[in-house]
Amino acid sequence: MGLHPPIEPYDHGLLDVGDGNRVYWETCGNPDGKPAVVLHGGPGSGTSANHRRYFDPAAYRIVLLDQRGAGRSRPRASDHDTDMSVNTTAHVMADLERLRGHLGIERWLVWGVSWGSVLALRYAQTHPGVVSELVLTGVATGSRAEVELLTRGLGKIFPAAHERFLAELPEGEREDPVAAYHRLLESPDPRVRARAARAWTDWETATIPAPPGSVARYEDPEFRLGFARTVTHYWAHDHFLGEGGDQGVVLRDAHLLEGVPGTLVQGSLDFGNLLGIVWRLHHAWPGSRLVIVDEAGHDAGAVGDDALLRATDTYARPTT
């Protein structure tokens, strides 16, 4: 099946969302088509041109944005002076609403990957009526248990890489690597920040290999620093979602998604899903469809891409 051919935006800009932040956005495809917005991963990864290609450009008005601090948005999280206290889940959801109003969109399909799936789910739960459908891949819910798995539990599967990951931390801080790395990445010493960012992204690529074509960004010191700083900022604060018990807020409130059609595309070998989160979400969300891609990881690969394309093609058709 394959992704749609590459396309270029017909409009773009920097939207002033307050707090000194300007969020980059772009639109491509059909200006009169069904609105859809892409929520990238990380937090802090930024969008890519490939994200445009998951939608039929004749059917969709495709909206991409770089979340606060990421990609082409300003200021960058990689700049030490950037105020991260105004980069939270609530702030980013408010940015989505401001952008939706700016573009004159009433409702839109929300497409999210990894952290973007967490954001998409919570946005749909807290903004009823503005999300027409959800298409999610590399699914997560932002629970504390998932963070614990990714930073400590996977050490049993990748012991050598985990030993290197912890070796960057003072011995007394290794029980809570997220808090420890968050502290290092806020250090006034640029050398300390750079070492921490390198170690953090080395651990990420050891456990969640980057999809083809995106490896180069991990060799960019500025990307590494902004990415690692944003991820640890969110993870150290429970994704700014609040307390939701062991299962987390998003899974606890899955019933609020009733009436929102959705497709979940998940690699069966995604280490981030060893807790069965996507299966539990699917069974708690009336109207969702789960597609498991065998022998695929966090990036569900070509088979996963085909499933995502089938979902957006299906949702492009008017319902009767």
Protein backbone atom coordinates (compact mmCIF):
# COMPACT_ATOMS: atom_id res chain seq x y z
CA MET A 1 0.00 0.00 0.00
CA GLY A 2 2.67 2.52 1.04
CA LEU A 3 2.41 6.07 2.28
CA HIS A 4 0.93 8.79 0.11
CA PRO A 5 3.45 10.73 -2.03
CA PRO A 6 5.35 13.62 -0.39
CA ILE A 7 3.51 16.94 -0.33
CA GLU A 8 4.33 20.48 0.75
CA PRO A 9 2.27 22.82 2.96
CA TYR A 10 0.04 25.40 1.32
CA ASP A 11 0.12 27.53 4.49
CA HIS A 12 2.17 27.78 7.68
CA GLY A 13 2.97 30.14 10.51
CA LEU A 14 4.03 30.74 14.10
CA LEU A 15 1.04 31.11 16.40
CA ASP A 16 1.50 33.23 19.53
CA VAL A 17 0.08 31.05 22.32
CA GLY A 18 1.23 33.20 25.23
CA ASP A 19 3.94 32.74 27.87
CA GLY A 20 6.47 33.92 25.27
CA ASN A 21 5.80 30.83 23.12
CA ARG A 22 5.15 30.73 19.39
CA VAL A 23 4.00 27.37 18.05
CA TYR A 24 4.84 26.35 14.49
CA TRP A 25 1.91 25.03 12.43
CA GLU A 26 1.33 24.09 8.83
CA THR A 27 -1.56 22.92 6.65
CA CYS A 28 -1.41 20.78 3.55
CA GLY A 29 -3.68 18.66 1.38
CA ASN A 30 -7.17 19.87 0.51
CA PRO A 31 -8.15 23.22 2.11
CA ASP A 32 -11.78 22.08 1.95
CA GLY A 33 -11.09 18.54 3.15
CA LYS A 34 -11.79 16.80 6.44
CA PRO A 35 -9.62 18.42 9.15
CA ALA A 36 -7.00 16.22 10.84
CA VAL A 37 -4.23 17.19 13.24
CA VAL A 38 -1.00 15.29 13.92
CA LEU A 39 0.42 15.05 17.45
CA HIS A 40 4.07 14.04 17.47
CA GLY A 41 5.89 11.96 20.03
CA GLY A 42 8.57 12.57 22.61
CA PRO A 43 7.49 14.79 24.24
CA GLY A 44 9.83 17.00 22.27
CA SER A 45 10.38 15.12 19.00
CA GLY A 46 8.71 17.57 16.62
CA THR A 47 6.88 16.71 13.41
CA SER A 48 8.35 15.36 10.18
CA ALA A 49 7.37 15.59 6.54
CA ASN A 50 6.39 11.91 6.62
CA HIS A 51 3.55 12.69 9.02
CA ARG A 52 1.75 14.42 6.14
CA ARG A 53 1.74 11.19 4.17
CA TYR A 54 -0.64 9.22 6.41
CA PHE A 55 -3.61 11.05 4.90
CA ASP A 56 -5.12 11.19 1.43
CA PRO A 57 -4.27 14.78 0.42
CA ALA A 58 -7.39 14.97 -1.74
CA ALA A 59 -9.63 14.10 1.20
CA TYR A 60 -7.96 15.77 4.18
CA ARG A 61 -6.99 19.21 5.38
CA ILE A 62 -3.86 18.04 7.24
CA VAL A 63 -2.61 20.13 10.17
CA LEU A 64 0.83 19.61 11.71
CA LEU A 65 2.22 21.47 14.69
CA ASP A 66 5.44 21.35 16.67
CA GLN A 67 4.51 21.33 20.35
CA ARG A 68 6.04 23.88 22.73
CA GLY A 69 9.83 23.81 22.71
CA ALA A 70 10.06 21.32 19.85
CA GLY A 71 10.95 21.51 16.17
CA ARG A 72 10.34 24.91 14.64
CA SER A 73 8.42 26.30 17.63
CA ARG A 74 10.10 28.99 19.70
CA PRO A 75 11.72 29.21 22.15
CA ARG A 76 13.47 25.85 21.92
CA ALA A 77 13.62 23.53 24.92
CA SER A 78 17.31 23.07 24.11
CA ASP A 79 17.93 26.69 25.15
CA HIS A 80 18.72 26.63 28.86
CA ASP A 81 16.90 29.92 29.46
CA THR A 82 13.60 28.53 28.12
CA ASP A 83 10.98 28.44 30.88
CA MET A 84 9.77 24.84 31.09
CA SER A 85 7.18 25.62 33.76
CA VAL A 86 4.84 26.77 30.97
CA ASN A 87 5.32 23.56 28.98
CA THR A 88 2.74 21.14 30.39
CA THR A 89 -0.01 18.92 29.06
CA ALA A 90 -2.61 21.57 29.92
CA HIS A 91 -0.62 24.24 28.07
CA VAL A 92 -0.27 22.06 24.96
CA MET A 93 -3.97 21.20 24.93
CA ALA A 94 -4.77 24.90 25.22
CA ASP A 95 -2.43 25.49 22.25
CA LEU A 96 -4.42 22.93 20.26
CA GLU A 97 -7.62 24.78 21.02
CA ARG A 98 -6.09 28.10 20.08
CA LEU A 99 -4.82 26.66 16.80
CA ARG A 100 -8.19 25.05 16.07
CA GLY A 101 -9.87 28.43 16.54
CA HIS A 102 -7.19 30.20 14.50
CA LEU A 103 -7.80 27.84 11.57
CA GLY A 104 -11.59 27.99 11.91
CA ILE A 105 -11.96 24.26 12.49
CA GLU A 106 -15.00 22.93 14.37
CA ARG A 107 -13.96 19.29 14.77
CA TRP A 108 -10.93 17.34 13.66
CA LEU A 109 -9.54 13.83 13.53
CA VAL A 110 -6.58 13.53 15.90
CA TRP A 111 -3.64 11.33 14.87
CA GLY A 112 -1.04 10.64 17.56
CA VAL A 113 2.13 8.60 17.92
CA SER A 114 3.75 7.54 21.22
CA TRP A 115 3.53 10.56 23.57
CA GLY A 116 1.23 12.04 20.94
CA SER A 117 -1.20 9.20 21.66
CA VAL A 118 -1.23 10.14 25.37
CA LEU A 119 -1.91 13.76 24.47
CA ALA A 120 -4.58 12.78 21.93
CA LEU A 121 -6.41 10.55 24.40
CA ARG A 122 -6.44 13.15 27.16
CA TYR A 123 -7.45 15.89 24.73
CA ALA A 124 -10.41 13.80 23.58
CA GLN A 125 -11.38 13.04 27.19
CA THR A 126 -11.28 16.67 28.30
CA HIS A 127 -12.57 18.38 25.13
CA PRO A 128 -15.69 16.43 24.19
CA GLY A 129 -17.20 17.35 20.88
CA VAL A 130 -14.09 18.61 19.07
CA VAL A 131 -12.49 15.22 18.28
CA SER A 132 -14.22 13.34 15.46
CA GLU A 133 -11.96 10.26 15.51
CA LEU A 134 -8.64 9.09 16.96
CA VAL A 135 -5.90 7.22 15.08
CA LEU A 136 -3.07 6.20 17.39
CA THR A 137 0.13 4.19 17.09
CA GLY A 138 2.97 3.28 19.44
CA VAL A 139 0.22 3.68 22.02
CA ALA A 140 0.92 4.85 25.57
CA THR A 141 -1.20 6.34 28.35
CA GLY A 142 1.40 8.22 30.40
CA SER A 143 1.01 6.20 33.60
CA ARG A 144 3.73 6.04 36.24
CA ALA A 145 3.94 2.28 35.70
CA GLU A 146 4.89 2.83 32.04
CA VAL A 147 7.65 5.26 32.98
CA GLU A 148 8.94 2.82 35.60
CA LEU A 149 9.03 0.08 32.98
CA LEU A 150 10.90 2.22 30.44
CA THR A 151 13.52 3.50 32.86
CA ARG A 152 14.00 0.56 35.25
CA GLY A 153 12.07 -2.54 34.22
CA LEU A 154 13.73 -2.84 30.81
CA GLY A 155 17.08 -3.00 32.58
CA LYS A 156 16.49 -6.75 32.92
CA ILE A 157 16.18 -7.07 29.15
CA PHE A 158 19.00 -4.64 28.25
CA PRO A 159 21.38 -5.01 31.22
CA ALA A 160 24.54 -3.62 29.57
CA ALA A 161 22.77 -0.55 28.17
CA HIS A 162 21.00 0.01 31.49
CA GLU A 163 24.29 -0.16 33.36
CA ARG A 164 25.67 2.58 31.10
CA PHE A 165 22.46 4.58 31.60
CA LEU A 166 22.77 4.49 35.39
CA ALA A 167 26.54 5.01 35.36
CA GLU A 168 26.02 8.69 34.49
CA LEU A 169 24.16 9.22 37.78
CA PRO A 170 25.49 9.60 41.33
CA GLU A 171 25.05 6.30 43.17
CA GLY A 172 22.56 7.79 45.60
CA GLU A 173 20.24 8.88 42.75
CA ARG A 174 20.03 5.71 40.70
CA GLU A 175 16.78 4.51 42.27
CA ASP A 176 14.94 7.34 40.50
CA PRO A 177 16.69 7.88 37.15
CA VAL A 178 13.99 10.20 35.81
CA ALA A 179 14.37 12.69 38.67
CA ALA A 180 18.16 12.39 38.50
CA TYR A 181 18.37 13.02 34.76
CA HIS A 182 15.82 15.83 35.03
CA ARG A 183 18.12 17.52 37.56
CA LEU A 184 21.20 17.06 35.34
CA LEU A 185 19.41 18.41 32.29
CA GLU A 186 18.54 21.58 34.21
CA SER A 187 22.16 22.06 35.32
CA PRO A 188 23.72 25.48 34.66
CA ASP A 189 26.80 23.65 33.33
CA PRO A 190 26.39 23.01 29.57
CA ARG A 191 28.84 20.09 29.73
CA VAL A 192 26.70 18.34 32.34
CA ARG A 193 23.57 18.89 30.25
CA ALA A 194 25.25 17.58 27.10
CA ARG A 195 26.49 14.39 28.80
CA ALA A 196 23.09 13.75 30.33
CA ALA A 197 21.31 14.26 27.00
CA ARG A 198 23.68 11.86 25.25
CA ALA A 199 23.21 9.18 27.92
CA TRP A 200 19.44 9.59 27.94
CA THR A 201 19.05 9.28 24.16
CA ASP A 202 21.54 6.36 24.05
CA TRP A 203 19.25 4.48 26.47
CA GLU A 204 16.18 5.37 24.41
CA THR A 205 17.69 4.12 21.16
CA ALA A 206 18.87 0.91 22.90
CA THR A 207 15.33 0.08 24.00
CA ILE A 208 13.19 1.75 21.33
CA PRO A 209 15.20 1.70 18.10
CA ALA A 210 14.57 4.73 15.93
CA PRO A 211 12.70 4.08 12.66
CA PRO A 212 14.67 4.31 9.41
CA GLY A 213 15.57 7.85 8.44
CA SER A 214 15.34 9.34 11.92
CA VAL A 215 18.62 8.09 13.43
CA ALA A 216 20.50 11.23 12.34
CA ARG A 217 18.51 13.48 14.67
CA TYR A 218 19.96 11.67 17.69
CA GLU A 219 23.40 12.75 16.50
CA ASP A 220 22.32 16.42 16.63
CA PRO A 221 23.38 17.80 20.04
CA GLU A 222 20.64 20.44 20.01
CA PHE A 223 17.92 17.90 19.25
CA ARG A 224 19.26 15.55 21.94
CA LEU A 225 19.25 18.28 24.55
CA GLY A 226 15.76 19.59 23.77
CA PHE A 227 14.31 16.10 23.49
CA ALA A 228 15.83 14.72 26.70
CA ARG A 229 15.02 17.88 28.64
CA THR A 230 11.37 17.79 27.56
CA VAL A 231 10.90 14.05 28.17
CA THR A 232 12.37 14.16 31.67
CA HIS A 233 10.42 17.32 32.46
CA TYR A 234 7.16 15.55 31.62
CA TRP A 235 8.06 12.18 33.13
CA ALA A 236 9.28 13.71 36.38
CA HIS A 237 5.85 15.33 36.76
CA ASP A 238 3.70 12.32 35.79
CA HIS A 239 3.06 13.92 32.39
CA PHE A 240 1.17 16.67 34.25
CA LEU A 241 -1.87 14.40 34.26
CA GLY A 242 -2.45 14.21 38.01
CA GLU A 243 -2.99 11.17 40.18
CA GLY A 244 -4.87 8.28 38.66
CA GLY A 245 -3.80 5.35 40.79
CA ASP A 246 -1.77 2.46 39.41
CA GLN A 247 -3.53 2.51 36.04
CA GLY A 248 -3.10 6.27 35.44
CA VAL A 249 -5.58 8.98 34.55
CA VAL A 250 -6.01 8.21 30.84
CA LEU A 251 -6.87 4.53 31.35
CA ARG A 252 -9.07 5.36 34.34
CA ASP A 253 -11.08 7.78 32.19
CA ALA A 254 -11.24 5.59 29.07
CA HIS A 255 -15.03 5.45 29.38
CA LEU A 256 -15.12 9.16 28.47
CA LEU A 257 -14.08 8.17 24.94
CA GLU A 258 -17.41 6.47 24.29
CA GLY A 259 -18.83 7.88 21.09
CA VAL A 260 -15.39 8.69 19.63
CA PRO A 261 -14.40 6.10 17.00
CA GLY A 262 -10.75 5.14 17.15
CA THR A 263 -8.09 2.84 15.73
CA LEU A 264 -5.08 1.65 17.75
CA VAL A 265 -2.14 0.27 15.77
CA GLN A 266 0.40 -1.50 17.95
CA GLY A 267 3.55 -3.53 17.32
CA SER A 268 3.44 -6.83 19.21
CA LEU A 269 7.11 -6.43 20.19
CA ASP A 270 6.84 -2.88 21.52
CA PHE A 271 8.71 -3.11 24.83
CA GLY A 272 6.82 -0.08 26.08
CA ASN A 273 3.63 -2.16 26.03
CA LEU A 274 4.76 -5.09 28.17
CA LEU A 275 2.13 -4.02 30.70
CA GLY A 276 -0.67 -4.71 28.22
CA ILE A 277 -1.76 -1.07 28.29
CA VAL A 278 -3.09 -0.94 24.74
CA TRP A 279 -5.15 -4.11 25.24
CA ARG A 280 -6.64 -2.70 28.46
CA LEU A 281 -7.35 0.63 26.79
CA HIS A 282 -9.09 -1.06 23.87
CA HIS A 283 -11.35 -3.07 26.16
CA ALA A 284 -12.20 -0.01 28.26
CA TRP A 285 -12.96 2.19 25.23
CA PRO A 286 -16.25 1.39 23.52
CA GLY A 287 -15.97 1.79 19.77
CA SER A 288 -12.21 1.37 19.47
CA ARG A 289 -10.51 -1.00 17.05
CA LEU A 290 -7.18 -2.64 17.91
CA VAL A 291 -4.74 -3.73 15.19
CA ILE A 292 -1.76 -5.75 16.45
CA VAL A 293 1.18 -5.90 14.04
CA ASP A 294 3.17 -9.09 14.56
CA GLU A 295 6.96 -8.93 14.89
CA ALA A 296 6.98 -5.11 15.01
CA GLY A 297 8.14 -2.80 17.77
CA HIS A 298 7.31 0.76 18.82
CA ASP A 299 7.51 1.70 15.13
CA ALA A 300 5.01 -0.73 13.61
CA GLY A 301 6.76 -0.61 10.23
CA ALA A 302 5.24 -1.00 6.77
CA VAL A 303 2.40 -3.25 7.94
CA GLY A 304 1.54 -0.71 10.64
CA ASP A 305 1.66 2.10 8.09
CA ASP A 306 -0.86 0.22 5.95
CA ALA A 307 -3.19 -0.15 8.94
CA LEU A 308 -2.90 3.57 9.71
CA LEU A 309 -3.66 4.45 6.09
CA ARG A 310 -6.69 2.16 6.07
CA ALA A 311 -7.93 3.92 9.21
CA THR A 312 -7.57 7.45 7.81
CA ASP A 313 -9.12 6.33 4.50
CA THR A 314 -12.08 4.85 6.37
CA TYR A 315 -12.62 7.93 8.51
CA ALA A 316 -12.43 10.20 5.46
CA ARG A 317 -15.70 8.73 4.20
CA PRO A 318 -18.89 10.42 5.41
CA THR A 319 -20.89 8.36 7.90
CA THR A 320 -24.50 7.61 7.18
